[in-house]
PDB file of N, CA and C in Angstrom:
ATOM      1  N   UNK A   1     -26.511 -93.007 109.511  1.00  0.00           N
ATOM      2  CA  UNK A   1     -27.547 -93.305 108.548  1.00  0.00           C
ATOM      3  C   UNK A   1     -28.902 -93.033 109.176  1.00  0.00           C
ATOM      4  N   UNK A   2     -29.834 -92.616 108.370  1.00  0.00           N
ATOM      5  CA  UNK A   2     -31.172 -92.311 108.863  1.00  0.00           C
ATOM      6  C   UNK A   2     -32.188 -93.193 108.155  1.00  0.00           C
ATOM      7  N   UNK A   3     -33.205 -93.584 108.877  1.00  0.00           N
ATOM      8  CA  UNK A   3     -34.319 -94.289 108.266  1.00  0.00           C
ATOM      9  C   UNK A   3     -35.054 -93.326 107.351  1.00  0.00           C
ATOM     10  N   UNK A   4     -35.725 -93.826 106.337  1.00  0.00           N
ATOM     11  CA  UNK A   4     -36.486 -92.930 105.467  1.00  0.00           C
ATOM     12  C   UNK A   4     -37.428 -92.058 106.274  1.00  0.00           C
ATOM     13  N   UNK A   5     -37.454 -90.795 105.962  1.00  0.00           N
ATOM     14  CA  UNK A   5     -38.281 -89.760 106.586  1.00  0.00           C
ATOM     15  C   UNK A   5     -37.952 -89.515 108.056  1.00  0.00           C
ATOM     16  N   UNK A   6     -36.772 -89.893 108.497  1.00  0.00           N
ATOM     17  CA  UNK A   6     -36.387 -89.659 109.884  1.00  0.00           C
ATOM     18  C   UNK A   6     -36.161 -88.176 110.133  1.00  0.00           C
ATOM     19  N   UNK A   7     -36.530 -87.730 111.322  1.00  0.00           N
ATOM     20  CA  UNK A   7     -36.299 -86.337 111.712  1.00  0.00           C
ATOM     21  C   UNK A   7     -34.872 -86.226 112.221  1.00  0.00           C
ATOM     22  N   UNK A   8     -34.182 -85.189 111.833  1.00  0.00           N
ATOM     23  CA  UNK A   8     -32.795 -85.019 112.234  1.00  0.00           C
ATOM     24  C   UNK A   8     -32.629 -83.916 113.267  1.00  0.00           C
ATOM     25  N   UNK A   9     -33.699 -83.568 113.979  1.00  0.00           N
ATOM     26  CA  UNK A   9     -33.621 -82.530 115.011  1.00  0.00           C
ATOM     27  C   UNK A   9     -32.691 -82.941 116.144  1.00  0.00           C
ATOM     28  N   UNK A  10     -32.079 -81.971 116.785  1.00  0.00           N
ATOM     29  CA  UNK A  10     -31.174 -82.242 117.891  1.00  0.00           C
ATOM     30  C   UNK A  10     -31.971 -82.539 119.149  1.00  0.00           C
ATOM     31  N   UNK A  11     -31.499 -83.495 119.938  1.00  0.00           N
ATOM     32  CA  UNK A  11     -32.237 -83.878 121.137  1.00  0.00           C
ATOM     33  C   UNK A  11     -32.318 -82.742 122.144  1.00  0.00           C
ATOM     34  N   UNK A  12     -31.401 -81.798 122.093  1.00  0.00           N
ATOM     35  CA  UNK A  12     -31.430 -80.693 123.039  1.00  0.00           C
ATOM     36  C   UNK A  12     -32.637 -79.788 122.825  1.00  0.00           C
ATOM     37  N   UNK A  13     -33.258 -79.853 121.655  1.00  0.00           N
ATOM     38  CA  UNK A  13     -34.401 -78.988 121.362  1.00  0.00           C
ATOM     39  C   UNK A  13     -35.700 -79.772 121.274  1.00  0.00           C
ATOM     40  N   UNK A  14     -35.736 -80.946 121.880  1.00  0.00           N
ATOM     41  CA  UNK A  14     -36.939 -81.768 121.773  1.00  0.00           C
ATOM     42  C   UNK A  14     -37.868 -81.537 122.951  1.00  0.00           C
ATOM     43  N   UNK A  15     -39.116 -81.914 122.749  1.00  0.00           N
ATOM     44  CA  UNK A  15     -40.086 -81.875 123.840  1.00  0.00           C
ATOM     45  C   UNK A  15     -40.551 -83.297 124.116  1.00  0.00           C
ATOM     46  N   UNK A  16     -40.814 -83.594 125.362  1.00  0.00           N
ATOM     47  CA  UNK A  16     -41.194 -84.943 125.728  1.00  0.00           C
ATOM     48  C   UNK A  16     -42.702 -85.131 125.578  1.00  0.00           C
ATOM     49  N   UNK A  17     -43.079 -86.251 125.000  1.00  0.00           N
ATOM     50  CA  UNK A  17     -44.490 -86.558 124.811  1.00  0.00           C
ATOM     51  C   UNK A  17     -44.983 -87.451 125.942  1.00  0.00           C
ATOM     52  N   UNK A  18     -46.240 -87.786 125.909  1.00  0.00           N
ATOM     53  CA  UNK A  18     -46.863 -88.553 126.980  1.00  0.00           C
ATOM     54  C   UNK A  18     -46.209 -89.902 127.243  1.00  0.00           C
ATOM     55  N   UNK A  19     -45.682 -90.577 126.225  1.00  0.00           N
ATOM     56  CA  UNK A  19     -45.120 -91.908 126.414  1.00  0.00           C
ATOM     57  C   UNK A  19     -43.661 -91.877 126.836  1.00  0.00           C
ATOM     58  N   UNK A  20     -43.040 -90.714 126.840  1.00  0.00           N
ATOM     59  CA  UNK A  20     -41.622 -90.615 127.146  1.00  0.00           C
ATOM     60  C   UNK A  20     -40.776 -90.483 125.891  1.00  0.00           C
ATOM     61  N   UNK A  21     -41.352 -90.754 124.745  1.00  0.00           N
ATOM     62  CA  UNK A  21     -40.650 -90.579 123.474  1.00  0.00           C
ATOM     63  C   UNK A  21     -40.435 -89.094 123.234  1.00  0.00           C
ATOM     64  N   UNK A  22     -39.279 -88.721 122.724  1.00  0.00           N
ATOM     65  CA  UNK A  22     -38.971 -87.317 122.461  1.00  0.00           C
ATOM     66  C   UNK A  22     -39.060 -87.048 120.964  1.00  0.00           C
ATOM     67  N   UNK A  23     -40.024 -86.246 120.595  1.00  0.00           N
ATOM     68  CA  UNK A  23     -40.194 -85.855 119.193  1.00  0.00           C
ATOM     69  C   UNK A  23     -39.670 -84.441 119.014  1.00  0.00           C
ATOM     70  N   UNK A  24     -38.875 -84.243 117.988  1.00  0.00           N
ATOM     71  CA  UNK A  24     -38.347 -82.914 117.718  1.00  0.00           C
ATOM     72  C   UNK A  24     -39.469 -82.014 117.213  1.00  0.00           C
ATOM     73  N   UNK A  25     -39.613 -80.823 117.786  1.00  0.00           N
ATOM     74  CA  UNK A  25     -40.638 -79.902 117.283  1.00  0.00           C
ATOM     75  C   UNK A  25     -40.461 -79.677 115.783  1.00  0.00           C
ATOM     76  N   UNK A  26     -41.568 -79.725 115.088  1.00  0.00           N
ATOM     77  CA  UNK A  26     -41.537 -79.551 113.640  1.00  0.00           C
ATOM     78  C   UNK A  26     -41.405 -80.863 112.880  1.00  0.00           C
ATOM     79  N   UNK A  27     -41.113 -81.955 113.580  1.00  0.00           N
ATOM     80  CA  UNK A  27     -40.971 -83.253 112.913  1.00  0.00           C
ATOM     81  C   UNK A  27     -42.342 -83.859 112.637  1.00  0.00           C
ATOM     82  N   UNK A  28     -42.371 -84.829 111.757  1.00  0.00           N
ATOM     83  CA  UNK A  28     -43.637 -85.508 111.459  1.00  0.00           C
ATOM     84  C   UNK A  28     -44.166 -86.204 112.713  1.00  0.00           C
ATOM     85  N   UNK A  29     -43.283 -86.763 113.533  1.00  0.00           N
ATOM     86  CA  UNK A  29     -43.708 -87.427 114.768  1.00  0.00           C
ATOM     87  C   UNK A  29     -44.374 -86.433 115.716  1.00  0.00           C
ATOM     88  N   UNK A  30     -43.794 -85.253 115.811  1.00  0.00           N
ATOM     89  CA  UNK A  30     -44.336 -84.213 116.677  1.00  0.00           C
ATOM     90  C   UNK A  30     -45.759 -83.836 116.249  1.00  0.00           C
ATOM     91  N   UNK A  31     -45.941 -83.598 114.954  1.00  0.00           N
ATOM     92  CA  UNK A  31     -47.265 -83.185 114.470  1.00  0.00           C
ATOM     93  C   UNK A  31     -48.276 -84.328 114.484  1.00  0.00           C
ATOM     94  N   UNK A  32     -47.823 -85.553 114.260  1.00  0.00           N
ATOM     95  CA  UNK A  32     -48.743 -86.697 114.366  1.00  0.00           C
ATOM     96  C   UNK A  32     -49.327 -86.774 115.766  1.00  0.00           C
ATOM     97  N   UNK A  33     -48.468 -86.631 116.754  1.00  0.00           N
ATOM     98  CA  UNK A  33     -48.924 -86.696 118.140  1.00  0.00           C
ATOM     99  C   UNK A  33     -49.759 -85.475 118.510  1.00  0.00           C
ATOM    100  N   UNK A  34     -49.314 -84.311 118.081  1.00  0.00           N
ATOM    101  CA  UNK A  34     -49.989 -83.066 118.434  1.00  0.00           C
ATOM    102  C   UNK A  34     -51.431 -83.021 117.922  1.00  0.00           C
ATOM    103  N   UNK A  35     -51.631 -83.481 116.692  1.00  0.00           N
ATOM    104  CA  UNK A  35     -52.956 -83.377 116.077  1.00  0.00           C
ATOM    105  C   UNK A  35     -53.771 -84.664 116.136  1.00  0.00           C
ATOM    106  N   UNK A  36     -53.251 -85.679 116.788  1.00  0.00           N
ATOM    107  CA  UNK A  36     -53.997 -86.932 116.927  1.00  0.00           C
ATOM    108  C   UNK A  36     -55.105 -86.757 117.955  1.00  0.00           C
ATOM    109  N   UNK A  37     -56.110 -87.581 117.840  1.00  0.00           N
ATOM    110  CA  UNK A  37     -57.144 -87.614 118.873  1.00  0.00           C
ATOM    111  C   UNK A  37     -56.464 -87.935 120.208  1.00  0.00           C
ATOM    112  N   UNK A  38     -56.892 -87.281 121.269  1.00  0.00           N
ATOM    113  CA  UNK A  38     -56.227 -87.490 122.571  1.00  0.00           C
ATOM    114  C   UNK A  38     -56.095 -88.957 122.964  1.00  0.00           C
ATOM    115  N   UNK A  39     -57.100 -89.755 122.650  1.00  0.00           N
ATOM    116  CA  UNK A  39     -57.051 -91.171 123.031  1.00  0.00           C
ATOM    117  C   UNK A  39     -56.063 -91.973 122.177  1.00  0.00           C
ATOM    118  N   UNK A  40     -55.606 -91.429 121.053  1.00  0.00           N
ATOM    119  CA  UNK A  40     -54.658 -92.142 120.182  1.00  0.00           C
ATOM    120  C   UNK A  40     -53.242 -91.585 120.269  1.00  0.00           C
ATOM    121  N   UNK A  41     -53.076 -90.405 120.791  1.00  0.00           N
ATOM    122  CA  UNK A  41     -51.773 -89.736 120.759  1.00  0.00           C
ATOM    123  C   UNK A  41     -50.679 -90.526 121.473  1.00  0.00           C
ATOM    124  N   UNK A  42     -50.966 -91.050 122.647  1.00  0.00           N
ATOM    125  CA  UNK A  42     -49.952 -91.804 123.384  1.00  0.00           C
ATOM    126  C   UNK A  42     -49.555 -93.069 122.623  1.00  0.00           C
ATOM    127  N   UNK A  43     -50.516 -93.705 121.956  1.00  0.00           N
ATOM    128  CA  UNK A  43     -50.220 -94.898 121.168  1.00  0.00           C
ATOM    129  C   UNK A  43     -49.324 -94.549 119.973  1.00  0.00           C
ATOM    130  N   UNK A  44     -49.611 -93.428 119.342  1.00  0.00           N
ATOM    131  CA  UNK A  44     -48.779 -92.964 118.227  1.00  0.00           C
ATOM    132  C   UNK A  44     -47.362 -92.680 118.728  1.00  0.00           C
ATOM    133  N   UNK A  45     -47.259 -92.072 119.901  1.00  0.00           N
ATOM    134  CA  UNK A  45     -45.950 -91.804 120.483  1.00  0.00           C
ATOM    135  C   UNK A  45     -45.149 -93.092 120.655  1.00  0.00           C
ATOM    136  N   UNK A  46     -45.808 -94.155 121.068  1.00  0.00           N
ATOM    137  CA  UNK A  46     -45.112 -95.422 121.284  1.00  0.00           C
ATOM    138  C   UNK A  46     -44.612 -96.027 119.974  1.00  0.00           C
ATOM    139  N   UNK A  47     -45.379 -95.901 118.920  1.00  0.00           N
ATOM    140  CA  UNK A  47     -44.915 -96.393 117.614  1.00  0.00           C
ATOM    141  C   UNK A  47     -43.674 -95.617 117.183  1.00  0.00           C
ATOM    142  N   UNK A  48     -43.696 -94.306 117.381  1.00  0.00           N
ATOM    143  CA  UNK A  48     -42.519 -93.504 117.059  1.00  0.00           C
ATOM    144  C   UNK A  48     -41.348 -93.823 117.994  1.00  0.00           C
ATOM    145  N   UNK A  49     -41.630 -94.189 119.232  1.00  0.00           N
ATOM    146  CA  UNK A  49     -40.557 -94.588 120.148  1.00  0.00           C
ATOM    147  C   UNK A  49     -39.868 -95.846 119.639  1.00  0.00           C
ATOM    148  N   UNK A  50     -40.648 -96.783 119.107  1.00  0.00           N
ATOM    149  CA  UNK A  50     -40.057 -97.986 118.514  1.00  0.00           C
ATOM    150  C   UNK A  50     -39.172 -97.599 117.337  1.00  0.00           C
ATOM    151  N   UNK A  51     -39.663 -96.722 116.512  1.00  0.00           N
ATOM    152  CA  UNK A  51     -38.884 -96.256 115.361  1.00  0.00           C
ATOM    153  C   UNK A  51     -37.600 -95.577 115.823  1.00  0.00           C
ATOM    154  N   UNK A  52     -37.678 -94.817 116.915  1.00  0.00           N
ATOM    155  CA  UNK A  52     -36.498 -94.165 117.460  1.00  0.00           C
ATOM    156  C   UNK A  52     -35.471 -95.201 117.936  1.00  0.00           C
ATOM    157  N   UNK A  53     -35.931 -96.300 118.519  1.00  0.00           N
ATOM    158  CA  UNK A  53     -35.023 -97.375 118.921  1.00  0.00           C
ATOM    159  C   UNK A  53     -34.277 -97.922 117.710  1.00  0.00           C
ATOM    160  N   UNK A  54     -34.997 -98.118 116.614  1.00  0.00           N
ATOM    161  CA  UNK A  54     -34.355 -98.607 115.393  1.00  0.00           C
ATOM    162  C   UNK A  54     -33.334 -97.597 114.886  1.00  0.00           C
ATOM    163  N   UNK A  55     -33.702 -96.318 114.921  1.00  0.00           N
ATOM    164  CA  UNK A  55     -32.780 -95.275 114.475  1.00  0.00           C
ATOM    165  C   UNK A  55     -31.527 -95.253 115.342  1.00  0.00           C
ATOM    166  N   UNK A  56     -31.702 -95.457 116.634  1.00  0.00           N
ATOM    167  CA  UNK A  56     -30.561 -95.483 117.547  1.00  0.00           C
ATOM    168  C   UNK A  56     -29.597 -96.614 117.168  1.00  0.00           C
ATOM    169  N   UNK A  57     -30.131 -97.744 116.785  1.00  0.00           N
ATOM    170  CA  UNK A  57     -29.282 -98.858 116.349  1.00  0.00           C
ATOM    171  C   UNK A  57     -28.454 -98.440 115.137  1.00  0.00           C
ATOM    172  N   UNK A  58     -29.099 -97.806 114.188  1.00  0.00           N
ATOM    173  CA  UNK A  58     -28.374 -97.367 112.991  1.00  0.00           C
ATOM    174  C   UNK A  58     -27.309 -96.332 113.331  1.00  0.00           C
ATOM    175  N   UNK A  59     -27.634 -95.416 114.219  1.00  0.00           N
ATOM    176  CA  UNK A  59     -26.705 -94.342 114.582  1.00  0.00           C
ATOM    177  C   UNK A  59     -25.530 -94.828 115.421  1.00  0.00           C
ATOM    178  N   UNK A  60     -25.749 -95.871 116.212  1.00  0.00           N
ATOM    179  CA  UNK A  60     -24.718 -96.284 117.170  1.00  0.00           C
ATOM    180  C   UNK A  60     -23.942 -97.529 116.750  1.00  0.00           C
ATOM    181  N   UNK A  61     -24.310 -98.167 115.659  1.00  0.00           N
ATOM    182  CA  UNK A  61     -23.641 -99.392 115.227  1.00  0.00           C
ATOM    183  C   UNK A  61     -22.815 -99.136 113.976  1.00  0.00           C
ATOM    184  N   UNK A  62     -21.517 -99.146 114.140  1.00  0.00           N
ATOM    185  CA  UNK A  62     -20.657 -98.955 112.974  1.00  0.00           C
ATOM    186  C   UNK A  62     -20.439-100.267 112.222  1.00  0.00           C
ATOM    187  N   UNK A  63     -20.679-101.369 112.884  1.00  0.00           N
ATOM    188  CA  UNK A  63     -20.502-102.691 112.280  1.00  0.00           C
ATOM    189  C   UNK A  63     -21.863-103.237 111.825  1.00  0.00           C
ATOM    190  N   UNK A  64     -22.036-103.491 110.519  1.00  0.00           N
ATOM    191  CA  UNK A  64     -23.332-103.967 110.013  1.00  0.00           C
ATOM    192  C   UNK A  64     -23.831-105.249 110.679  1.00  0.00           C
ATOM    193  N   UNK A  65     -22.923-106.158 111.023  1.00  0.00           N
ATOM    194  CA  UNK A  65     -23.346-107.410 111.651  1.00  0.00           C
ATOM    195  C   UNK A  65     -23.967-107.148 113.017  1.00  0.00           C
ATOM    196  N   UNK A  66     -23.375-106.255 113.774  1.00  0.00           N
ATOM    197  CA  UNK A  66     -23.915-105.909 115.091  1.00  0.00           C
ATOM    198  C   UNK A  66     -25.291-105.261 114.933  1.00  0.00           C
ATOM    199  N   UNK A  67     -25.414-104.355 113.982  1.00  0.00           N
ATOM    200  CA  UNK A  67     -26.710-103.704 113.741  1.00  0.00           C
ATOM    201  C   UNK A  67     -27.761-104.743 113.369  1.00  0.00           C
ATOM    202  N   UNK A  68     -27.426-105.672 112.481  1.00  0.00           N
ATOM    203  CA  UNK A  68     -28.389-106.712 112.082  1.00  0.00           C
ATOM    204  C   UNK A  68     -28.825-107.551 113.276  1.00  0.00           C
ATOM    205  N   UNK A  69     -27.870-107.902 114.140  1.00  0.00           N
ATOM    206  CA  UNK A  69     -28.206-108.701 115.324  1.00  0.00           C
ATOM    207  C   UNK A  69     -29.127-107.937 116.266  1.00  0.00           C
ATOM    208  N   UNK A  70     -28.863-106.660 116.459  1.00  0.00           N
ATOM    209  CA  UNK A  70     -29.712-105.846 117.336  1.00  0.00           C
ATOM    210  C   UNK A  70     -31.108-105.665 116.743  1.00  0.00           C
ATOM    211  N   UNK A  71     -31.187-105.462 115.446  1.00  0.00           N
ATOM    212  CA  UNK A  71     -32.496-105.332 114.787  1.00  0.00           C
ATOM    213  C   UNK A  71     -33.262-106.656 114.860  1.00  0.00           C
ATOM    214  N   UNK A  72     -32.546-107.757 114.682  1.00  0.00           N
ATOM    215  CA  UNK A  72     -33.180-109.078 114.791  1.00  0.00           C
ATOM    216  C   UNK A  72     -33.701-109.295 116.206  1.00  0.00           C
ATOM    217  N   UNK A  73     -32.966-108.826 117.212  1.00  0.00           N
ATOM    218  CA  UNK A  73     -33.415-108.965 118.590  1.00  0.00           C
ATOM    219  C   UNK A  73     -34.773-108.293 118.771  1.00  0.00           C
ATOM    220  N   UNK A  74     -34.945-107.088 118.208  1.00  0.00           N
ATOM    221  CA  UNK A  74     -36.225-106.382 118.331  1.00  0.00           C
ATOM    222  C   UNK A  74     -37.349-107.165 117.666  1.00  0.00           C
ATOM    223  N   UNK A  75     -37.071-107.742 116.502  1.00  0.00           N
ATOM    224  CA  UNK A  75     -38.111-108.539 115.838  1.00  0.00           C
ATOM    225  C   UNK A  75     -38.508-109.720 116.714  1.00  0.00           C
ATOM    226  N   UNK A  76     -37.525-110.394 117.281  1.00  0.00           N
ATOM    227  CA  UNK A  76     -37.813-111.542 118.143  1.00  0.00           C
ATOM    228  C   UNK A  76     -38.516-111.105 119.429  1.00  0.00           C
ATOM    229  N   UNK A  77     -38.117-109.963 119.969  1.00  0.00           N
ATOM    230  CA  UNK A  77     -38.765-109.458 121.189  1.00  0.00           C
ATOM    231  C   UNK A  77     -40.241-109.162 120.939  1.00  0.00           C
ATOM    232  N   UNK A  78     -40.544-108.598 119.786  1.00  0.00           N
ATOM    233  CA  UNK A  78     -41.950-108.321 119.443  1.00  0.00           C
ATOM    234  C   UNK A  78     -42.735-109.608 119.238  1.00  0.00           C
ATOM    235  N   UNK A  79     -42.112-110.594 118.624  1.00  0.00           N
ATOM    236  CA  UNK A  79     -42.783-111.884 118.438  1.00  0.00           C
ATOM    237  C   UNK A  79     -43.060-112.529 119.787  1.00  0.00           C
ATOM    238  N   UNK A  80     -42.047-112.534 120.668  1.00  0.00           N
ATOM    239  CA  UNK A  80     -42.253-113.098 122.014  1.00  0.00           C
ATOM    240  C   UNK A  80     -43.362-112.350 122.742  1.00  0.00           C
ATOM    241  N   UNK A  81     -43.379-111.050 122.590  1.00  0.00           N
ATOM    242  CA  UNK A  81     -44.388-110.236 123.255  1.00  0.00           C
ATOM    243  C   UNK A  81     -45.789-110.570 122.739  1.00  0.00           C
ATOM    244  N   UNK A  82     -45.893-110.757 121.430  1.00  0.00           N
ATOM    245  CA  UNK A  82     -47.207-111.105 120.869  1.00  0.00           C
ATOM    246  C   UNK A  82     -47.682-112.465 121.368  1.00  0.00           C
ATOM    247  N   UNK A  83     -46.740-113.274 121.871  1.00  0.00           N
ATOM    248  CA  UNK A  83     -47.070-114.587 122.433  1.00  0.00           C
ATOM    249  C   UNK A  83     -47.216-114.520 123.956  1.00  0.00           C
ATOM    250  N   UNK A  84     -47.154-113.297 124.515  1.00  0.00           N
ATOM    251  CA  UNK A  84     -47.385-113.109 125.945  1.00  0.00           C
ATOM    252  C   UNK A  84     -46.131-113.047 126.802  1.00  0.00           C
ATOM    253  N   UNK A  85     -44.949-112.981 126.203  1.00  0.00           N
ATOM    254  CA  UNK A  85     -43.695-112.964 126.971  1.00  0.00           C
ATOM    255  C   UNK A  85     -42.926-111.674 126.710  1.00  0.00           C
ATOM    256  N   UNK A  86     -43.486-110.551 127.147  1.00  0.00           N
ATOM    257  CA  UNK A  86     -42.829-109.250 126.951  1.00  0.00           C
ATOM    258  C   UNK A  86     -41.702-109.086 127.958  1.00  0.00           C
ATOM    259  N   UNK A  87     -40.536-108.680 127.454  1.00  0.00           N
ATOM    260  CA  UNK A  87     -39.370-108.514 128.321  1.00  0.00           C
ATOM    261  C   UNK A  87     -38.920-107.066 128.416  1.00  0.00           C
ATOM    262  N   UNK A  88     -38.963-106.344 127.346  1.00  0.00           N
ATOM    263  CA  UNK A  88     -38.453-104.977 127.300  1.00  0.00           C
ATOM    264  C   UNK A  88     -39.582-103.999 127.642  1.00  0.00           C
ATOM    265  N   UNK A  89     -39.271-102.902 128.344  1.00  0.00           N
ATOM    266  CA  UNK A  89     -40.325-101.936 128.681  1.00  0.00           C
ATOM    267  C   UNK A  89     -41.086-101.391 127.469  1.00  0.00           C
ATOM    268  N   UNK A  90     -40.397-101.184 126.357  1.00  0.00           N
ATOM    269  CA  UNK A  90     -41.085-100.667 125.175  1.00  0.00           C
ATOM    270  C   UNK A  90     -42.023-101.707 124.576  1.00  0.00           C
ATOM    271  N   UNK A  91     -41.596-102.961 124.515  1.00  0.00           N
ATOM    272  CA  UNK A  91     -42.508-103.984 123.979  1.00  0.00           C
ATOM    273  C   UNK A  91     -43.705-104.165 124.896  1.00  0.00           C
ATOM    274  N   UNK A  92     -43.482-104.073 126.217  1.00  0.00           N
ATOM    275  CA  UNK A  92     -44.626-104.157 127.149  1.00  0.00           C
ATOM    276  C   UNK A  92     -45.584-102.993 126.918  1.00  0.00           C
ATOM    277  N   UNK A  93     -45.028-101.807 126.677  1.00  0.00           N
ATOM    278  CA  UNK A  93     -45.870-100.622 126.448  1.00  0.00           C
ATOM    279  C   UNK A  93     -46.624-100.714 125.128  1.00  0.00           C
ATOM    280  N   UNK A  94     -46.050-101.399 124.145  1.00  0.00           N
ATOM    281  CA  UNK A  94     -46.687-101.511 122.829  1.00  0.00           C
ATOM    282  C   UNK A  94     -47.834-102.519 122.787  1.00  0.00           C
ATOM    283  N   UNK A  95     -47.924-103.392 123.778  1.00  0.00           N
ATOM    284  CA  UNK A  95     -48.956-104.437 123.765  1.00  0.00           C
ATOM    285  C   UNK A  95     -50.353-103.840 123.629  1.00  0.00           C
ATOM    286  N   UNK A  96     -50.693-102.882 124.469  1.00  0.00           N
ATOM    287  CA  UNK A  96     -52.043-102.315 124.418  1.00  0.00           C
ATOM    288  C   UNK A  96     -52.337-101.611 123.091  1.00  0.00           C
ATOM    289  N   UNK A  97     -51.450-100.747 122.590  1.00  0.00           N
ATOM    290  CA  UNK A  97     -51.741-100.112 121.296  1.00  0.00           C
ATOM    291  C   UNK A  97     -51.879-101.123 120.150  1.00  0.00           C
ATOM    292  N   UNK A  98     -51.050-102.160 120.174  1.00  0.00           N
ATOM    293  CA  UNK A  98     -51.127-103.181 119.115  1.00  0.00           C
ATOM    294  C   UNK A  98     -52.486-103.867 119.150  1.00  0.00           C
ATOM    295  N   UNK A  99     -52.979-104.152 120.346  1.00  0.00           N
ATOM    296  CA  UNK A  99     -54.290-104.815 120.472  1.00  0.00           C
ATOM    297  C   UNK A  99     -55.445-103.843 120.227  1.00  0.00           C
ATOM    298  N   UNK A 100     -55.282-102.615 120.693  1.00  0.00           N
ATOM    299  CA  UNK A 100     -56.365-101.638 120.616  1.00  0.00           C
ATOM    300  C   UNK A 100     -56.685-101.245 119.176  1.00  0.00           C
ATOM    301  N   UNK A 101     -55.706-101.235 118.285  1.00  0.00           N
ATOM    302  CA  UNK A 101     -55.933-100.605 116.975  1.00  0.00           C
ATOM    303  C   UNK A 101     -56.241-101.514 115.781  1.00  0.00           C
ATOM    304  N   UNK A 102     -56.228-102.702 115.655  1.00  0.00           N
ATOM    305  CA  UNK A 102     -55.221-103.721 115.898  1.00  0.00           C
ATOM    306  C   UNK A 102     -54.086-103.614 114.866  1.00  0.00           C
ATOM    307  N   UNK A 103     -52.897-103.567 115.362  1.00  0.00           N
ATOM    308  CA  UNK A 103     -51.716-103.424 114.502  1.00  0.00           C
ATOM    309  C   UNK A 103     -51.021-104.778 114.384  1.00  0.00           C
ATOM    310  N   UNK A 104     -50.832-105.263 113.175  1.00  0.00           N
ATOM    311  CA  UNK A 104     -50.110-106.535 113.021  1.00  0.00           C
ATOM    312  C   UNK A 104     -48.644-106.374 113.438  1.00  0.00           C
ATOM    313  N   UNK A 105     -48.136-107.321 114.185  1.00  0.00           N
ATOM    314  CA  UNK A 105     -46.730-107.299 114.597  1.00  0.00           C
ATOM    315  C   UNK A 105     -45.841-107.268 113.360  1.00  0.00           C
ATOM    316  N   UNK A 106     -46.335-107.811 112.253  1.00  0.00           N
ATOM    317  CA  UNK A 106     -45.579-107.799 111.008  1.00  0.00           C
ATOM    318  C   UNK A 106     -45.215-106.399 110.542  1.00  0.00           C
ATOM    319  N   UNK A 107     -46.023-105.405 110.879  1.00  0.00           N
ATOM    320  CA  UNK A 107     -45.685-104.022 110.520  1.00  0.00           C
ATOM    321  C   UNK A 107     -44.419-103.561 111.243  1.00  0.00           C
ATOM    322  N   UNK A 108     -44.276-103.966 112.488  1.00  0.00           N
ATOM    323  CA  UNK A 108     -43.083-103.613 113.252  1.00  0.00           C
ATOM    324  C   UNK A 108     -41.876-104.391 112.740  1.00  0.00           C
ATOM    325  N   UNK A 109     -42.107-105.640 112.338  1.00  0.00           N
ATOM    326  CA  UNK A 109     -41.033-106.422 111.720  1.00  0.00           C
ATOM    327  C   UNK A 109     -40.577-105.743 110.427  1.00  0.00           C
ATOM    328  N   UNK A 110     -41.526-105.238 109.654  1.00  0.00           N
ATOM    329  CA  UNK A 110     -41.182-104.557 108.392  1.00  0.00           C
ATOM    330  C   UNK A 110     -40.347-103.307 108.663  1.00  0.00           C
ATOM    331  N   UNK A 111     -40.637-102.608 109.741  1.00  0.00           N
ATOM    332  CA  UNK A 111     -39.826-101.439 110.105  1.00  0.00           C
ATOM    333  C   UNK A 111     -38.387-101.871 110.410  1.00  0.00           C
ATOM    334  N   UNK A 112     -38.237-102.985 111.124  1.00  0.00           N
ATOM    335  CA  UNK A 112     -36.904-103.504 111.435  1.00  0.00           C
ATOM    336  C   UNK A 112     -36.170-103.933 110.171  1.00  0.00           C
ATOM    337  N   UNK A 113     -36.888-104.572 109.276  1.00  0.00           N
ATOM    338  CA  UNK A 113     -36.285-105.026 108.019  1.00  0.00           C
ATOM    339  C   UNK A 113     -35.875-103.840 107.149  1.00  0.00           C
ATOM    340  N   UNK A 114     -36.667-102.780 107.151  1.00  0.00           N
ATOM    341  CA  UNK A 114     -36.304-101.577 106.402  1.00  0.00           C
ATOM    342  C   UNK A 114     -35.032-100.969 106.981  1.00  0.00           C
ATOM    343  N   UNK A 115     -34.916-100.983 108.299  1.00  0.00           N
ATOM    344  CA  UNK A 115     -33.696-100.454 108.924  1.00  0.00           C
ATOM    345  C   UNK A 115     -32.486-101.303 108.538  1.00  0.00           C
ATOM    346  N   UNK A 116     -32.664-102.624 108.458  1.00  0.00           N
ATOM    347  CA  UNK A 116     -31.570-103.492 108.010  1.00  0.00           C
ATOM    348  C   UNK A 116     -31.108-103.108 106.610  1.00  0.00           C
ATOM    349  N   UNK A 117     -32.038-102.857 105.728  1.00  0.00           N
ATOM    350  CA  UNK A 117     -31.692-102.490 104.355  1.00  0.00           C
ATOM    351  C   UNK A 117     -30.973-101.155 104.305  1.00  0.00           C
ATOM    352  N   UNK A 118     -31.380-100.214 105.147  1.00  0.00           N
ATOM    353  CA  UNK A 118     -30.734 -98.895 105.183  1.00  0.00           C
ATOM    354  C   UNK A 118     -29.302 -99.031 105.642  1.00  0.00           C
ATOM    355  N   UNK A 119     -29.088 -99.877 106.673  1.00  0.00           N
ATOM    356  CA  UNK A 119     -27.747-100.016 107.238  1.00  0.00           C
ATOM    357  C   UNK A 119     -26.815-100.787 106.316  1.00  0.00           C
ATOM    358  N   UNK A 120     -27.376-101.645 105.513  1.00  0.00           N
ATOM    359  CA  UNK A 120     -26.548-102.373 104.551  1.00  0.00           C
ATOM    360  C   UNK A 120     -26.201-103.706 105.051  1.00  0.00           C
TER     361      UNK A 120
END
């Protein structure tokens, strides 16, 4: 299953961006990063990296209950991080972009909830 507007490019043909997230050439993520202001591009990459984590859950979880638990973990990890207790490398990396732009953690929760609905 794919999240709405997910890129279906093969990882073998991807290029690595500044944050370590791999965007498939020609994908919306690739062009967002490519044409973003240099000071914002790495932050955009991190948001797409979070989305990629959610997509990975959908792709690798055949059992809906397991997928829901993993998606819930990400929501809780982001909440803990917003309270100063970041545990995962991606949540630690997202702290600065969330504060810099300012992005409500609720937007990331909404992404997780959308993935739950897609998975069923």
